Amino acid sequence: MKIKHTMKAKKLSLRELARRKKQSGELSLIEAGAVLGAMALLALGIYLGVPFVRNMVQASSFKSEATMFHTGIQNATVNDADFSGESLTTLAQNHAFDSAGARLASDKSSVTGIFGGQVTSVPGTVTTTNDAIITSYPVPTAVCSMSVASLANTYTKITINGTVISAPGTTFNSSTAGNACSSAGQVATIQMYTTRS
């Protein structure tokens, strides 16, 4: 009988111990500190990571559109002896800028860039008069830095804020490109030269 009584007492004391340790929905100071620390790390990760990811996405979108503009200009001018008779309007009427979608004015007179600002296209020169169409596109500095290396492989010549960074006889240099992208503040104007080649 004494054994049963001792067993009953042990069960009763275990129940009481369990009841005392059961939480009522509140966090202890240590648990609250851990939650706040985790939230701070998450906020820091978002704060540091979002601009980088945003810039990468924007650079990818810009590179894609600039490449489509290059192909569109070449397709729209395939029968031209030179580019002297071309303008943004004639190129747009011949579907060179269709990839801009709704940012292309309905009367084909203007194209707004992905980041705002007007895109322009005029005849220009790489080696001989009117042998190129120069498409000027305003972009944020970070997008400029992340995009120009790729665009240097697509376009015959590229200038950024007036600095030639890639052309026949000028090898692309990432340091020169980075300096040119940031030389005019928050917005860089990239001039991309489309030729027959």
Protein backbone atom coordinates (compact mmCIF):
# COMPACT_ATOMS: atom_id res chain seq x y z
CA MET A 1 0.00 0.00 0.00
CA LYS A 2 2.85 2.30 0.76
CA ILE A 3 4.18 1.77 -2.79
CA LYS A 4 0.84 2.78 -4.28
CA HIS A 5 0.75 5.87 -2.12
CA THR A 6 4.30 6.84 -3.16
CA MET A 7 3.45 6.33 -6.84
CA LYS A 8 0.35 8.47 -6.44
CA ALA A 9 2.41 11.21 -4.81
CA LYS A 10 4.97 11.12 -7.65
CA LYS A 11 2.22 11.38 -10.29
CA LEU A 12 0.63 14.25 -8.42
CA SER A 13 3.93 16.13 -8.09
CA LEU A 14 4.69 15.63 -11.81
CA ARG A 15 1.27 17.03 -12.71
CA GLU A 16 1.80 20.05 -10.51
CA LEU A 17 5.25 20.58 -12.02
CA ALA A 18 3.83 20.38 -15.54
CA ARG A 19 1.08 22.84 -14.65
CA ARG A 20 3.58 25.30 -13.23
CA LYS A 21 5.82 25.15 -16.34
CA LYS A 22 2.94 25.49 -18.82
CA GLN A 23 3.08 28.94 -20.41
CA SER A 24 0.08 31.15 -20.63
CA GLY A 25 0.88 32.49 -24.15
CA GLU A 26 3.50 35.03 -23.13
CA LEU A 27 7.12 35.02 -24.27
CA SER A 28 9.95 34.98 -21.83
CA LEU A 29 12.55 37.75 -22.07
CA ILE A 30 14.97 35.42 -23.80
CA GLU A 31 12.37 34.31 -26.34
CA ALA A 32 11.30 37.91 -26.98
CA GLY A 33 14.95 38.91 -27.52
CA ALA A 34 15.44 36.07 -29.99
CA VAL A 35 12.32 37.08 -31.95
CA LEU A 36 13.40 40.74 -32.05
CA GLY A 37 16.90 39.72 -33.16
CA ALA A 38 15.51 37.56 -35.96
CA MET A 39 13.22 40.37 -37.11
CA ALA A 40 16.15 42.82 -37.11
CA LEU A 41 18.23 40.45 -39.24
CA LEU A 42 15.34 39.98 -41.65
CA ALA A 43 14.82 43.75 -41.93
CA LEU A 44 18.55 44.27 -42.53
CA GLY A 45 18.55 41.60 -45.24
CA ILE A 46 15.61 43.22 -46.99
CA TYR A 47 17.12 46.70 -46.66
CA LEU A 48 20.42 45.59 -48.20
CA GLY A 49 19.08 43.05 -50.68
CA VAL A 50 16.10 44.75 -52.31
CA PRO A 51 18.02 47.57 -54.08
CA PHE A 52 20.52 45.08 -55.50
CA VAL A 53 17.82 42.74 -56.76
CA ARG A 54 15.81 45.68 -58.14
CA ASN A 55 18.88 46.98 -60.01
CA MET A 56 19.56 43.52 -61.45
CA VAL A 57 15.98 43.18 -62.69
CA GLN A 58 16.00 46.69 -64.16
CA ALA A 59 19.37 46.09 -65.87
CA SER A 60 18.06 42.87 -67.37
CA SER A 61 14.92 44.62 -68.66
CA PHE A 62 16.98 47.46 -70.14
CA LYS A 63 19.47 45.10 -71.86
CA SER A 64 16.60 43.14 -73.35
CA GLU A 65 14.87 46.25 -74.67
CA ALA A 66 18.10 47.78 -76.02
CA THR A 67 18.88 44.54 -77.86
CA MET A 68 15.36 44.49 -79.32
CA PHE A 69 15.78 48.13 -80.43
CA HIS A 70 19.04 47.18 -82.18
CA THR A 71 17.40 44.34 -84.05
CA GLY A 72 14.33 46.47 -84.83
CA ILE A 73 16.45 49.29 -86.28
CA GLN A 74 18.39 46.86 -88.46
CA ASN A 75 15.17 45.26 -89.71
CA ALA A 76 13.50 48.64 -90.36
CA THR A 77 16.44 49.94 -92.42
CA VAL A 78 17.50 46.81 -94.27
CA ASN A 79 17.05 48.43 -97.72
CA ASP A 80 18.50 51.87 -96.91
CA ALA A 81 21.76 52.92 -98.62
CA ASP A 82 22.58 54.96 -95.50
CA PHE A 83 20.66 56.22 -92.47
CA SER A 84 20.38 59.90 -93.54
CA GLY A 85 16.63 59.71 -94.13
CA GLU A 86 15.80 58.03 -90.84
CA SER A 87 14.29 59.55 -87.71
CA LEU A 88 12.68 58.18 -84.60
CA THR A 89 9.27 58.55 -86.25
CA THR A 90 10.22 56.68 -89.45
CA LEU A 91 11.90 53.95 -87.44
CA ALA A 92 8.86 53.64 -85.16
CA GLN A 93 6.52 53.50 -88.17
CA ASN A 94 8.63 50.59 -89.43
CA HIS A 95 8.26 48.82 -86.05
CA ALA A 96 11.81 49.31 -84.76
CA PHE A 97 10.54 50.23 -81.29
CA ASP A 98 7.59 47.86 -80.90
CA SER A 99 9.22 46.29 -77.84
CA ALA A 100 8.50 49.55 -75.96
CA GLY A 101 4.80 48.69 -76.08
CA ALA A 102 2.58 51.37 -74.55
CA ARG A 103 5.59 53.65 -74.02
CA LEU A 104 5.65 54.24 -77.79
CA ALA A 105 3.37 57.21 -78.56
CA SER A 106 0.33 56.32 -80.66
CA ASP A 107 1.45 58.75 -83.38
CA LYS A 108 4.94 57.15 -83.34
CA SER A 109 6.56 60.52 -82.55
CA SER A 110 8.22 59.59 -79.24
CA VAL A 111 9.37 56.70 -77.11
CA THR A 112 9.57 56.89 -73.32
CA GLY A 113 12.30 54.81 -71.69
CA ILE A 114 11.67 52.18 -69.05
CA PHE A 115 12.83 54.62 -66.35
CA GLY A 116 11.09 57.68 -67.79
CA GLY A 117 12.92 60.15 -69.99
CA GLN A 118 12.76 60.31 -73.75
CA VAL A 119 14.57 57.88 -76.03
CA THR A 120 15.88 59.54 -79.19
CA SER A 121 17.19 58.18 -82.48
CA VAL A 122 19.12 60.19 -85.07
CA PRO A 123 21.53 59.41 -87.92
CA GLY A 124 25.18 59.50 -86.88
CA THR A 125 28.69 58.46 -87.80
CA VAL A 126 30.96 55.65 -86.72
CA THR A 127 33.37 55.57 -89.69
CA THR A 128 31.54 57.27 -92.60
CA THR A 129 28.80 59.91 -92.63
CA ASN A 130 25.34 58.58 -91.72
CA ASP A 131 26.52 54.99 -91.35
CA ALA A 132 24.77 54.60 -87.98
CA ILE A 133 21.61 55.33 -86.03
CA ILE A 134 22.38 56.74 -82.58
CA THR A 135 19.80 55.75 -79.99
CA SER A 136 20.12 57.78 -76.77
CA TYR A 137 18.56 56.24 -73.68
CA PRO A 138 18.56 57.73 -70.15
CA VAL A 139 19.04 55.13 -67.40
CA PRO A 140 19.88 55.11 -63.67
CA THR A 141 23.61 54.98 -62.91
CA ALA A 142 23.46 51.46 -61.42
CA VAL A 143 21.59 50.10 -64.45
CA CYS A 144 24.17 51.72 -66.73
CA SER A 145 27.07 50.05 -64.89
CA MET A 146 25.36 46.65 -64.92
CA SER A 147 24.36 46.79 -68.61
CA VAL A 148 27.06 48.34 -70.77
CA ALA A 149 29.42 45.36 -70.90
CA SER A 150 26.67 43.29 -72.49
CA LEU A 151 25.59 46.09 -74.84
CA ALA A 152 29.18 46.59 -76.02
CA ASN A 153 28.88 43.15 -77.62
CA THR A 154 25.67 44.14 -79.44
CA TYR A 155 26.25 47.71 -80.64
CA THR A 156 29.09 48.89 -82.88
CA LYS A 157 29.83 51.92 -80.69
CA ILE A 158 28.67 53.03 -77.26
CA THR A 159 29.16 56.36 -75.51
CA ILE A 160 28.05 57.19 -71.99
CA ASN A 161 27.58 60.83 -71.03
CA GLY A 162 29.83 61.75 -73.96
CA THR A 163 32.63 59.26 -73.16
CA VAL A 164 33.35 56.59 -75.79
CA ILE A 165 33.55 53.27 -73.99
CA SER A 166 33.37 50.90 -76.96
CA ALA A 167 33.97 51.46 -80.66
CA PRO A 168 36.06 50.19 -83.56
CA GLY A 169 39.60 50.76 -82.28
CA THR A 170 38.42 51.29 -78.66
CA THR A 171 38.33 48.20 -76.47
CA PHE A 172 35.69 48.08 -73.75
CA ASN A 173 37.09 48.80 -70.28
CA SER A 174 34.82 48.28 -67.28
CA SER A 175 36.60 50.92 -65.19
CA THR A 176 36.12 53.55 -67.91
CA ALA A 177 32.48 52.50 -68.28
CA GLY A 178 31.84 52.71 -64.52
CA ASN A 179 33.37 56.19 -64.32
CA ALA A 180 31.37 57.34 -67.36
CA CYS A 181 28.12 55.98 -65.91
CA SER A 182 28.51 57.96 -62.70
CA SER A 183 29.94 61.13 -64.29
CA ALA A 184 26.57 62.92 -64.61
CA GLY A 185 24.94 62.07 -61.29
CA GLN A 186 22.02 59.67 -60.83
CA VAL A 187 21.08 59.37 -64.52
CA ALA A 188 23.42 58.32 -67.33
CA THR A 189 22.66 58.80 -71.01
CA ILE A 190 23.81 55.84 -73.07
CA GLN A 191 24.22 56.44 -76.80
CA MET A 192 24.10 53.19 -78.75
CA TYR A 193 25.23 53.18 -82.39
CA THR A 194 23.49 50.70 -84.69
CA THR A 195 25.25 49.99 -87.99
CA ARG A 196 24.85 47.36 -90.69
CA SER A 197 27.22 44.98 -88.94
